[in-house]
Structure formats: structure tokens, C-alpha cells
């Protein structure tokens, strides 16, 4: 098990758990691991979100990189996907995003990207940890003229804006209507400036919400994790669509003109339908995780699409897409990867693909929102002995109970069992057509698993 890195980089309370000393080590070790096969002083990009601790973490990272001999370009406040895009565009050796994504302001985190603009692998993260704890860091110290230099390059955001202009300008101009108007909730996060510039450049009528970051209000009752305010704003102002990003801009959720939520599963259906119409849906396939709603599976069956599911986490979705040449995948949470454009979740890109799909179809957002029928979903935690939480697969009686329940559903329900990565819990998730029925079954199964694995 990794000591520092979790499923999405390092994420901890800033300045205590994620101390400047730890950040310095992560930077120095990371620069070495990510650039050890190059024959030049590595160039590393750094972007961050709007958290109060962002510049503190950034300063410690810069010190670590420069001490190793790497050169740094400081991008300032910038969405995660913009950093990934610029890493490839500028042929940088690596990049770092300082963000805790959708978490509250007291958290911060570190996400490394390779020279291909993709999150680095588990193996590379493990190698960085090994260097951090090996006592080798002192040997990686640059001297004299080998010390790295840093420069502020906040103007590079314009390269990211231009990417959207060249990709969507013609199509939006062709189909845009005067009465098409959207609200955009930037979560007081990293997308504030770039979203405004993109939507202005494309001529889409818009209202920007929650774009007054003060260091402590990122994701606070706003953005993709808190859609209530956006829903009300769309309904009160009779808008065509509401869009919500998370703090670092790699997620997007939406709200139709009636105030109904368009989650990640529905975004996958709507955008894939548009791709298919243009013969751009590679291998006729959508990739999602095992947590995607049964309704998405039913939709793909109806539309004769291939449906591939992976472990939870956008990195596993991306791995599957790269392995088998698929170009759309994502999660319920709104991490949507459109591999023809960017190898990471990109909130602004996702929202523009949704708008393109709506405008080209000539339908309202609510009509497209009906493509996927969402099945009720219940999640119950079974508290078990920590050492036994993976044993549910070996226990015959638990397996029989699960198989019996799945037979009862006869294709119109689903049982998913997942042990928690950090707590002594086994999560029991059940989907079906009847909310009361699946709640009863989920509670009974969770109780049975607790009894067997106590």
C-alpha cells in the first residue's frame, strides 16, 4: 500500500498533514523520477486552484524542483485540464496541479502529470515514494549553474482558450440561437477566468455564478457538489441550461431548463449519441465505472452500443480507453474523458460538447436528459473486521446471498459489493426499480455481511 499517494494524487490538510517539508520532498523526488530518462534539465509546469494554501504549497514545490535542477513555469490559477493540455502543447517533461478538487478549502493536494498530459501511473507514484524515503534526496541536489530557474507564465491560459475557439467556433456560430442562455457555476475555483473567456469568445449567452474566490470559499455550497443554487437560478431566470464545475475544473455536471440534474452517466449518453451521429464514436463504445447507474447499461443495450466498465477512478477509465482505442468514458461524478481532445477530465470541454449536442439536435436539454432512465440506487455500509473486509468474495454463504438476489432482479437490478480502501467497511450498493424494495434488500445484505465478517 502506498504511503503518500491515494487514488488521485496526494490529498491532505494543508500545512499540517501536507506540510511544506513533505511537499519539498515530493517535488524533488518527483522531478528525479519523471525526468531521469532525459538528457536535459527538465521543465515542469505548475498550476493551482484558488485555495488559500495554494501559494504556500506552490512555493515548497518550486524550491524542491529548482533544488533538483529542474526549470519551472508557474501557470498561476488554472484548471487541471488546462495544465494537462499545456504539458503536451509545450512539450514539458512533466507538470503538477496543486488542488484538492471538490474538497473543502482546508485540504490541498498534489497531482503529477506525465509529458503526455496524463496522470502518472501507480508504479511511478510508488517509485517517487521510494525515493522520498530512501535517504537519496541529498544526492539529487543541483549545484552552481545547474540550479533550476522559475518564471511566471500565466499568459499561457490563452493557448487553452484558443484550443476551444478553434474546436467549437464554427459549430457554435452555425447552431447558436439568441434564446439559448446558460448559467455557469465555477465553484469559486480554477475555472472562473477561463470559462468566462471561452464563453465570451464563442458568443454563448451566459451568466457566471460563484466566481468571487477568497481562498476559503472554493466548493462552499456551490459547484458540482452543491447544485441547489444553480437549479434555482436556472428556473428563476428561464435559462436553457445550467453548468457546474468543481474546484479544479476537471468535472462537469449540468441542469436542464426544468431544473433536473444531468449527471455523468447522462452526459456520457448525450455526448456519445452526438458522436455516433457524426461517425466519431470509436469502436461504438462507452467506458464507465462499476458505479455507473444501471440505466446507462440499459441505454447502451437499446442503442446497440458496447458498454465497458472499470474499477472506480478516472485513471482506470483512461487506461481502458487507451488500451482498446475508445474515445469517450467517465464517471457519474462528472469526470468525462474525451480522448480525441484531452487525456483527462475537462469540465469546460464537457460542457461545450453538451451544448453542441443540444444545439445540433434542435431539442431542449430536458428532452436529451430523458435518454437514460435512472434506476434508484441504495448504498449501505457494512461495518466489518478490517482484516476480513476482502473476504466477502471467498465466503460461500455471502456469494450465494448475492447470487440469489441478482436472480430475483432478473436483469432489472444490480448488486455491487466494494470494500472501502481506508475504513473497516464493505459497501453494499443495490440498484432496482423499487426504492423501498432495494433499501430493504441492501440493509438485510449489509447486516448479513457484518455478521459473517465481524
Protein backbone atom coordinates (compact mmCIF):
# COMPACT_ATOMS: atom_id res chain seq x y z
CA UNK A 1 0.00 0.00 0.00
CA UNK A 2 1.27 3.47 -0.90
CA UNK A 3 2.25 5.75 1.96
CA UNK A 4 1.57 9.19 0.48
CA UNK A 5 -0.34 8.85 -2.79
CA UNK A 6 -4.01 7.88 -2.87
CA UNK A 7 -6.36 7.24 -5.78
CA UNK A 8 -5.96 10.81 -7.04
CA UNK A 9 -2.51 12.01 -6.03
CA UNK A 10 -1.74 13.25 -2.52
CA UNK A 11 -4.58 14.96 -0.67
CA UNK A 12 -4.35 16.15 2.94
CA UNK A 13 -4.97 19.07 5.30
CA UNK A 14 -2.67 21.86 4.09
CA UNK A 15 0.31 22.99 6.17
CA UNK A 16 -0.14 20.25 8.78
CA UNK A 17 -0.56 16.86 7.12
CA UNK A 18 0.55 18.31 3.78
CA UNK A 19 3.49 20.25 5.20
CA UNK A 20 5.95 22.36 3.16
CA UNK A 21 8.68 19.87 4.15
CA UNK A 22 6.70 16.95 2.70
CA UNK A 23 5.87 18.93 -0.44
CA UNK A 24 9.57 19.76 -0.95
CA UNK A 25 10.41 16.05 -0.83
CA UNK A 26 7.57 15.12 -3.19
CA UNK A 27 8.80 17.73 -5.67
CA UNK A 28 12.46 16.75 -5.58
CA UNK A 29 11.75 13.01 -5.81
CA UNK A 30 9.11 13.57 -8.49
CA UNK A 31 11.43 15.66 -10.65
CA UNK A 32 14.02 12.90 -10.50
CA UNK A 33 11.63 10.03 -11.30
CA UNK A 34 9.78 11.84 -14.10
CA UNK A 35 12.91 13.17 -15.79
CA UNK A 36 15.58 10.54 -15.15
CA UNK A 37 15.50 9.32 -18.75
CA UNK A 38 16.01 12.78 -20.27
CA UNK A 39 19.36 14.22 -21.26
CA UNK A 40 18.46 17.82 -20.38
CA UNK A 41 17.36 19.92 -17.43
CA UNK A 42 13.65 19.08 -17.11
CA UNK A 43 10.92 21.69 -17.50
CA UNK A 44 7.94 21.31 -15.17
CA UNK A 45 4.67 23.28 -15.24
CA UNK A 46 2.76 24.14 -12.06
CA UNK A 47 -0.89 25.16 -11.92
CA UNK A 48 -3.14 25.58 -8.88
CA UNK A 49 -6.69 26.34 -7.81
CA UNK A 50 -7.89 29.21 -5.60
CA UNK A 51 -7.27 27.76 -2.11
CA UNK A 52 -5.59 29.99 0.44
CA UNK A 53 -2.82 27.39 0.83
CA UNK A 54 -2.10 27.26 -2.90
CA UNK A 55 0.84 29.66 -2.94
CA UNK A 56 2.34 28.03 0.16
CA UNK A 57 2.32 24.59 -1.46
CA UNK A 58 3.49 26.11 -4.75
CA UNK A 59 6.49 27.77 -3.08
CA UNK A 60 7.59 24.49 -1.47
CA UNK A 61 7.22 22.66 -4.79
CA UNK A 62 9.21 25.28 -6.67
CA UNK A 63 12.00 25.01 -4.10
CA UNK A 64 12.10 21.23 -4.48
CA UNK A 65 12.16 21.36 -8.28
CA UNK A 66 14.80 24.10 -8.50
CA UNK A 67 16.97 22.35 -5.93
CA UNK A 68 16.99 19.26 -8.14
CA UNK A 69 17.89 21.36 -11.18
CA UNK A 70 14.52 21.43 -12.91
CA UNK A 71 13.16 24.60 -14.51
CA UNK A 72 9.65 25.68 -13.60
CA UNK A 73 6.89 27.58 -15.41
CA UNK A 74 4.32 28.97 -12.98
CA UNK A 75 0.88 29.00 -14.62
CA UNK A 76 -0.97 30.51 -11.65
CA UNK A 77 -4.65 29.71 -11.10
CA UNK A 78 -5.58 27.35 -13.90
CA UNK A 79 -7.94 24.36 -14.37
CA UNK A 80 -6.39 20.91 -14.10
CA UNK A 81 -7.21 20.04 -17.75
CA UNK A 82 -5.56 23.28 -18.91
CA UNK A 83 -2.33 22.21 -17.22
CA UNK A 84 -2.59 18.76 -18.82
CA UNK A 85 -3.22 20.32 -22.24
CA UNK A 86 -0.29 22.75 -21.94
CA UNK A 87 2.06 19.98 -20.81
CA UNK A 88 1.63 18.32 -24.19
CA UNK A 89 1.40 21.55 -26.16
CA UNK A 90 4.69 22.89 -24.77
CA UNK A 91 6.49 19.52 -24.71
CA UNK A 92 7.18 19.93 -20.99
CA UNK A 93 8.75 16.99 -19.16
CA UNK A 94 6.02 16.91 -16.51
CA UNK A 95 3.50 19.05 -14.67
CA UNK A 96 1.87 19.39 -11.29
CA UNK A 97 -1.58 20.57 -10.26
CA UNK A 98 -1.93 21.85 -6.70
CA UNK A 99 -5.57 21.20 -5.83
CA UNK A 100 -7.89 19.13 -3.68
CA UNK A 101 -10.53 19.09 -6.42
CA UNK A 102 -14.05 19.08 -4.94
CA UNK A 103 -12.91 19.05 -1.29
CA UNK A 104 -13.28 22.00 1.10
CA UNK A 105 -10.63 24.71 1.29
CA UNK A 106 -8.59 23.38 4.23
CA UNK A 107 -7.49 20.42 2.11
CA UNK A 108 -4.95 20.66 -0.68
CA UNK A 109 -3.28 18.15 -2.91
CA UNK A 110 -0.64 17.32 -5.48
CA UNK A 111 -1.35 15.63 -8.81
CA UNK A 112 1.52 14.78 -11.15
CA UNK A 113 1.08 14.59 -14.92
CA UNK A 114 3.49 12.96 -17.34
CA UNK A 115 4.85 14.58 -20.50
CA UNK A 116 1.78 13.17 -22.30
CA UNK A 117 -0.58 15.21 -20.11
CA UNK A 118 -1.86 12.13 -18.27
CA UNK A 119 -1.93 11.38 -14.57
CA UNK A 120 1.11 9.28 -13.75
CA UNK A 121 0.74 5.57 -13.06
CA UNK A 122 0.56 3.83 -9.69
CA UNK A 123 4.03 2.44 -10.39
CA UNK A 124 5.57 5.90 -10.86
CA UNK A 125 3.90 7.16 -7.69
CA UNK A 126 5.35 4.20 -5.80
CA UNK A 127 8.79 4.99 -7.23
CA UNK A 128 8.51 8.61 -6.07
CA UNK A 129 7.61 7.40 -2.57
CA UNK A 130 10.57 5.05 -2.57
CA UNK A 131 12.97 7.90 -3.41
CA UNK A 132 11.37 10.15 -0.77
CA UNK A 133 12.04 7.59 1.99
CA UNK A 134 15.34 6.20 0.72
CA UNK A 135 17.67 8.92 2.01
CA UNK A 136 18.77 9.68 -1.56
CA UNK A 137 17.31 13.18 -1.77
CA UNK A 138 20.55 14.86 -0.70
CA UNK A 139 22.31 13.24 -3.65
CA UNK A 140 19.83 14.91 -6.00
CA UNK A 141 20.95 18.44 -5.18
CA UNK A 142 21.97 20.69 -8.07
CA UNK A 143 24.98 22.95 -7.61
CA UNK A 144 26.25 26.20 -9.08
CA UNK A 145 24.90 26.82 -12.59
CA UNK A 146 22.84 23.59 -12.50
CA UNK A 147 20.28 25.09 -10.11
CA UNK A 148 16.90 25.47 -11.82
CA UNK A 149 15.10 28.72 -12.56
CA UNK A 150 11.40 29.58 -12.44
CA UNK A 151 9.34 32.01 -14.50
CA UNK A 152 5.76 33.23 -14.30
CA UNK A 153 3.79 32.23 -17.41
CA UNK A 154 0.17 32.98 -16.54
CA UNK A 155 -0.45 34.21 -20.08
CA UNK A 156 -0.31 30.62 -21.30
CA UNK A 157 -4.01 30.31 -20.39
CA UNK A 158 -4.64 31.97 -23.77
CA UNK A 159 -3.34 28.80 -25.51
CA UNK A 160 -6.07 26.82 -23.72
CA UNK A 161 -8.73 29.38 -24.65
CA UNK A 162 -7.63 29.24 -28.30
CA UNK A 163 -8.00 25.44 -28.26
CA UNK A 164 -11.72 25.85 -27.57
CA UNK A 165 -12.14 28.62 -30.12
CA UNK A 166 -10.64 26.58 -32.97
CA UNK A 167 -12.57 23.46 -31.91
CA UNK A 168 -16.05 24.93 -31.38
CA UNK A 169 -16.20 28.35 -33.05
CA UNK A 170 -17.70 27.25 -36.38
CA UNK A 171 -20.21 24.79 -34.96
CA UNK A 172 -21.48 27.15 -32.23
CA UNK A 173 -21.80 30.00 -34.74
CA UNK A 174 -23.82 27.77 -37.06
CA UNK A 175 -26.33 26.48 -34.49
CA UNK A 176 -26.35 29.08 -31.70
CA UNK A 177 -29.66 30.83 -31.03
CA UNK A 178 -30.46 34.16 -29.42
CA UNK A 179 -32.71 32.48 -26.88
CA UNK A 180 -30.10 29.91 -25.83
CA UNK A 181 -28.71 31.10 -22.50
CA UNK A 182 -26.74 29.26 -19.82
CA UNK A 183 -25.66 29.72 -16.21
CA UNK A 184 -22.14 28.66 -15.27
CA UNK A 185 -21.20 27.87 -11.66
CA UNK A 186 -17.40 27.97 -11.35
CA UNK A 187 -17.37 26.89 -7.67
CA UNK A 188 -15.16 29.86 -6.73
CA UNK A 189 -12.43 27.74 -8.22
CA UNK A 190 -9.94 27.43 -11.03
CA UNK A 191 -12.32 27.78 -14.00
CA UNK A 192 -13.55 31.30 -13.25
CA UNK A 193 -11.39 33.27 -15.65
CA UNK A 194 -11.00 30.63 -18.36
CA UNK A 195 -14.74 29.76 -18.52
CA UNK A 196 -15.65 33.43 -18.85
CA UNK A 197 -13.12 33.93 -21.66
CA UNK A 198 -14.21 30.78 -23.52
CA UNK A 199 -17.93 31.53 -23.44
CA UNK A 200 -17.35 35.17 -24.40
CA UNK A 201 -15.12 34.12 -27.32
CA UNK A 202 -17.75 31.65 -28.58
CA UNK A 203 -20.60 34.13 -28.24
CA UNK A 204 -22.71 31.94 -25.97
CA UNK A 205 -25.03 33.98 -23.75
CA UNK A 206 -24.12 33.20 -20.18
CA UNK A 207 -24.28 34.16 -16.51
CA UNK A 208 -21.26 33.39 -14.33
CA UNK A 209 -22.08 32.32 -10.76
CA UNK A 210 -19.80 31.81 -7.75
CA UNK A 211 -16.76 33.46 -9.27
CA UNK A 212 -15.51 35.54 -6.34
CA UNK A 213 -12.82 33.29 -4.81
CA UNK A 214 -11.38 34.46 -1.49
CA UNK A 215 -9.21 31.46 -0.64
CA UNK A 216 -11.73 29.80 1.66
CA UNK A 217 -14.98 29.62 -0.34
CA UNK A 218 -13.93 27.13 -3.04
CA UNK A 219 -16.69 24.48 -3.43
CA UNK A 220 -18.60 26.05 -0.50
CA UNK A 221 -22.30 25.43 -1.20
CA UNK A 222 -21.60 25.73 -4.91
CA UNK A 223 -20.15 23.93 -7.91
CA UNK A 224 -20.74 20.34 -9.00
CA UNK A 225 -21.10 19.05 -5.41
CA UNK A 226 -23.83 21.54 -4.47
CA UNK A 227 -26.26 22.06 -7.34
CA UNK A 228 -29.18 23.55 -5.38
CA UNK A 229 -28.32 27.19 -6.09
CA UNK A 230 -27.73 26.55 -9.79
CA UNK A 231 -31.03 24.68 -10.11
CA UNK A 232 -32.92 27.59 -8.58
CA UNK A 233 -31.09 30.17 -10.72
CA UNK A 234 -31.85 28.32 -13.97
CA UNK A 235 -35.55 28.02 -13.09
CA UNK A 236 -35.89 31.59 -11.80
CA UNK A 237 -34.30 33.06 -14.94
CA UNK A 238 -35.87 30.69 -17.50
CA UNK A 239 -32.45 29.63 -18.82
CA UNK A 240 -31.73 26.86 -21.32
CA UNK A 241 -29.08 25.10 -19.26
CA UNK A 242 -27.03 25.24 -16.07
CA UNK A 243 -23.41 24.10 -15.91
CA UNK A 244 -21.40 23.37 -12.76
CA UNK A 245 -17.68 22.72 -12.47
CA UNK A 246 -15.75 21.55 -9.42
CA UNK A 247 -12.90 23.43 -7.75
CA UNK A 248 -10.16 22.39 -10.17
CA UNK A 249 -12.32 22.18 -13.29
CA UNK A 250 -11.95 18.54 -14.28
CA UNK A 251 -15.60 17.73 -13.52
CA UNK A 252 -18.82 18.98 -15.04
CA UNK A 253 -22.44 18.35 -14.11
CA UNK A 254 -25.42 20.12 -15.63
CA UNK A 255 -29.03 21.10 -15.02
CA UNK A 256 -31.71 21.16 -17.72
CA UNK A 257 -34.17 24.04 -18.19
CA UNK A 258 -36.63 22.35 -15.82
CA UNK A 259 -34.06 22.10 -13.05
CA UNK A 260 -33.39 18.36 -13.42
CA UNK A 261 -29.82 17.17 -12.93
CA UNK A 262 -27.78 15.84 -15.86
CA UNK A 263 -25.19 13.65 -14.14
CA UNK A 264 -22.09 11.99 -15.57
CA UNK A 265 -23.96 8.92 -16.82
CA UNK A 266 -26.43 11.09 -18.72
CA UNK A 267 -23.62 13.25 -20.11
CA UNK A 268 -21.97 10.10 -21.48
CA UNK A 269 -25.21 9.11 -23.21
CA UNK A 270 -25.94 12.57 -24.68
CA UNK A 271 -22.42 13.20 -25.94
CA UNK A 272 -21.92 9.67 -27.27
CA UNK A 273 -25.20 9.96 -29.20
CA UNK A 274 -23.86 13.11 -30.85
CA UNK A 275 -20.50 11.45 -31.61
CA UNK A 276 -22.28 8.47 -33.14
CA UNK A 277 -24.35 10.72 -35.44
CA UNK A 278 -21.09 12.15 -36.77
CA UNK A 279 -19.45 8.68 -37.05
CA UNK A 280 -16.95 9.70 -34.38
CA UNK A 281 -17.78 7.21 -31.62
CA UNK A 282 -14.75 4.93 -31.73
CA UNK A 283 -15.50 1.21 -31.66
CA UNK A 284 -19.13 2.08 -30.85
CA UNK A 285 -18.20 2.03 -27.16
CA UNK A 286 -18.81 3.93 -23.91
CA UNK A 287 -16.48 3.32 -20.94
CA UNK A 288 -17.73 3.88 -17.38
CA UNK A 289 -17.01 2.56 -13.90
CA UNK A 290 -18.80 -0.16 -11.96
CA UNK A 291 -20.62 2.64 -10.07
CA UNK A 292 -22.44 3.87 -13.16
CA UNK A 293 -26.20 3.58 -12.98
CA UNK A 294 -27.93 0.52 -14.42
CA UNK A 295 -29.87 2.95 -16.60
CA UNK A 296 -26.74 3.70 -18.63
CA UNK A 297 -26.24 0.00 -19.25
CA UNK A 298 -29.86 -0.31 -20.40
CA UNK A 299 -29.39 2.70 -22.70
CA UNK A 300 -26.35 1.16 -24.39
CA UNK A 301 -28.25 -2.12 -24.91
CA UNK A 302 -31.13 -0.24 -26.52
CA UNK A 303 -28.79 1.72 -28.80
CA UNK A 304 -26.62 -1.31 -29.67
CA UNK A 305 -23.54 0.26 -28.11
CA UNK A 306 -20.73 -1.59 -26.38
CA UNK A 307 -20.53 -0.83 -22.67
CA UNK A 308 -17.26 -1.40 -20.81
CA UNK A 309 -16.96 -0.94 -17.04
CA UNK A 310 -13.81 -0.42 -14.98
CA UNK A 311 -12.80 -0.03 -11.35
CA UNK A 312 -13.77 3.27 -9.71
CA UNK A 313 -11.46 6.13 -10.66
CA UNK A 314 -10.97 8.15 -13.83
CA UNK A 315 -7.41 6.82 -14.20
CA UNK A 316 -8.82 3.31 -14.72
CA UNK A 317 -11.33 4.63 -17.24
CA UNK A 318 -8.47 6.26 -19.14
CA UNK A 319 -6.35 3.09 -19.03
CA UNK A 320 -9.19 1.11 -20.64
CA UNK A 321 -9.74 3.80 -23.28
CA UNK A 322 -6.06 3.87 -24.24
CA UNK A 323 -5.78 0.09 -24.24
CA UNK A 324 -8.67 -0.50 -26.65
CA UNK A 325 -8.87 2.76 -28.61
CA UNK A 326 -12.11 4.16 -27.16
CA UNK A 327 -12.71 7.92 -27.15
CA UNK A 328 -15.37 8.57 -24.50
CA UNK A 329 -15.56 7.46 -20.90
CA UNK A 330 -16.24 8.78 -17.46
CA UNK A 331 -17.89 8.67 -14.07
CA UNK A 332 -21.24 9.62 -12.53
CA UNK A 333 -19.48 12.45 -10.71
CA UNK A 334 -18.87 14.28 -13.98
CA UNK A 335 -15.32 13.24 -14.79
CA UNK A 336 -15.79 12.85 -18.55
CA UNK A 337 -12.77 12.00 -20.71
CA UNK A 338 -12.99 12.90 -24.40
CA UNK A 339 -9.77 11.40 -25.64
CA UNK A 340 -9.87 13.00 -29.08
CA UNK A 341 -9.21 16.31 -27.33
CA UNK A 342 -7.60 15.87 -23.89
CA UNK A 343 -6.42 12.82 -21.89
CA UNK A 344 -8.03 13.95 -18.64
CA UNK A 345 -11.45 15.02 -17.42
CA UNK A 346 -12.16 18.54 -18.67
CA UNK A 347 -15.19 20.39 -17.31
CA UNK A 348 -15.24 23.19 -19.89
CA UNK A 349 -14.76 20.75 -22.77
CA UNK A 350 -17.55 18.52 -21.45
CA UNK A 351 -19.93 21.47 -21.12
CA UNK A 352 -19.20 22.61 -24.68
CA UNK A 353 -19.75 19.10 -26.05
CA UNK A 354 -23.08 19.05 -24.19
CA UNK A 355 -24.04 22.45 -25.65
CA UNK A 356 -23.00 21.28 -29.12
CA UNK A 357 -25.18 18.16 -28.70
CA UNK A 358 -28.19 20.21 -27.59
CA UNK A 359 -27.90 22.84 -30.33
CA UNK A 360 -27.30 20.34 -33.14
CA UNK A 361 -30.20 18.15 -32.03
CA UNK A 362 -32.64 21.07 -32.03
CA UNK A 363 -34.05 19.68 -28.79
CA UNK A 364 -34.24 21.07 -25.28
CA UNK A 365 -31.83 19.87 -22.62
CA UNK A 366 -34.70 18.16 -20.80
CA UNK A 367 -35.51 16.06 -23.85
CA UNK A 368 -31.93 14.78 -24.11
CA UNK A 369 -31.92 14.26 -20.34
CA UNK A 370 -34.52 11.54 -20.86
CA UNK A 371 -32.16 9.31 -22.87
CA UNK A 372 -31.17 7.47 -19.69
CA UNK A 373 -33.76 6.24 -17.20
CA UNK A 374 -32.05 6.43 -13.81
CA UNK A 375 -32.70 3.43 -11.56
CA UNK A 376 -32.96 4.04 -7.80
CA UNK A 377 -29.65 3.30 -6.08
CA UNK A 378 -29.05 2.50 -2.40
CA UNK A 379 -25.68 2.38 -0.65
CA UNK A 380 -25.34 0.79 2.80
CA UNK A 381 -22.09 0.35 4.73
CA UNK A 382 -21.45 -2.95 6.49
CA UNK A 383 -19.00 -2.43 9.39
CA UNK A 384 -16.64 -5.42 9.48
CA UNK A 385 -13.31 -6.58 10.88
CA UNK A 386 -10.68 -4.61 8.96
CA UNK A 387 -8.65 -7.73 8.30
CA UNK A 388 -11.66 -9.51 6.82
CA UNK A 389 -13.12 -6.83 4.54
CA UNK A 390 -11.82 -8.51 1.38
CA UNK A 391 -13.07 -11.95 2.43
CA UNK A 392 -16.61 -11.47 1.14
CA UNK A 393 -15.50 -12.95 -2.22
CA UNK A 394 -14.35 -16.16 -0.52
CA UNK A 395 -17.37 -16.68 1.73
CA UNK A 396 -19.76 -19.14 0.08
CA UNK A 397 -22.84 -18.00 2.00
CA UNK A 398 -22.28 -14.33 1.11
CA UNK A 399 -21.76 -15.26 -2.54
CA UNK A 400 -24.94 -17.34 -2.53
CA UNK A 401 -26.94 -14.48 -0.97
CA UNK A 402 -25.71 -12.09 -3.67
CA UNK A 403 -26.42 -14.56 -6.48
CA UNK A 404 -29.92 -15.24 -5.15
CA UNK A 405 -30.71 -11.51 -5.04
CA UNK A 406 -29.41 -10.95 -8.56
CA UNK A 407 -31.66 -13.77 -9.84
CA UNK A 408 -34.66 -12.08 -8.21
CA UNK A 409 -33.91 -8.89 -10.18
CA UNK A 410 -33.90 -10.82 -13.48
CA UNK A 411 -31.84 -8.18 -15.28
CA UNK A 412 -33.69 -5.19 -13.80
CA UNK A 413 -31.44 -4.72 -10.80
CA UNK A 414 -27.84 -5.00 -9.75
CA UNK A 415 -25.76 -5.78 -6.65
CA UNK A 416 -22.28 -4.33 -6.25
CA UNK A 417 -20.03 -5.05 -3.26
CA UNK A 418 -16.91 -2.93 -2.65
CA UNK A 419 -14.59 -2.88 0.36
CA UNK A 420 -13.55 0.60 1.50
CA UNK A 421 -9.93 1.45 0.76
CA UNK A 422 -9.46 3.33 4.04
CA UNK A 423 -12.09 2.16 6.57
CA UNK A 424 -13.24 -1.19 8.04
CA UNK A 425 -16.30 -1.17 5.81
CA UNK A 426 -17.79 -3.21 3.00
CA UNK A 427 -20.07 -1.05 0.84
CA UNK A 428 -23.27 -2.69 -0.39
CA UNK A 429 -24.77 -0.94 -3.42
CA UNK A 430 -28.05 -2.15 -4.89
CA UNK A 431 -29.99 -0.79 -7.87
CA UNK A 432 -33.50 -1.67 -8.88
CA UNK A 433 -36.86 -0.30 -9.96
CA UNK A 434 -38.45 -0.11 -6.49
CA UNK A 435 -36.77 2.19 -3.95
CA UNK A 436 -38.38 0.62 -0.86
CA UNK A 437 -37.59 -2.91 -2.01
CA UNK A 438 -33.91 -2.27 -2.70
CA UNK A 439 -33.48 -0.40 0.61
CA UNK A 440 -34.84 -3.43 2.44
CA UNK A 441 -32.60 -5.83 0.50
CA UNK A 442 -29.48 -3.64 0.91
CA UNK A 443 -29.94 -3.40 4.67
CA UNK A 444 -30.51 -7.14 5.02
CA UNK A 445 -27.43 -7.99 2.91
CA UNK A 446 -25.27 -5.48 4.83
CA UNK A 447 -26.41 -6.99 8.15
CA UNK A 448 -25.59 -10.48 6.87
CA UNK A 449 -22.10 -9.41 5.73
CA UNK A 450 -21.47 -7.71 9.10
CA UNK A 451 -22.45 -10.91 10.90
CA UNK A 452 -20.21 -13.09 8.71
CA UNK A 453 -17.16 -10.82 8.71
CA UNK A 454 -17.20 -9.41 12.26
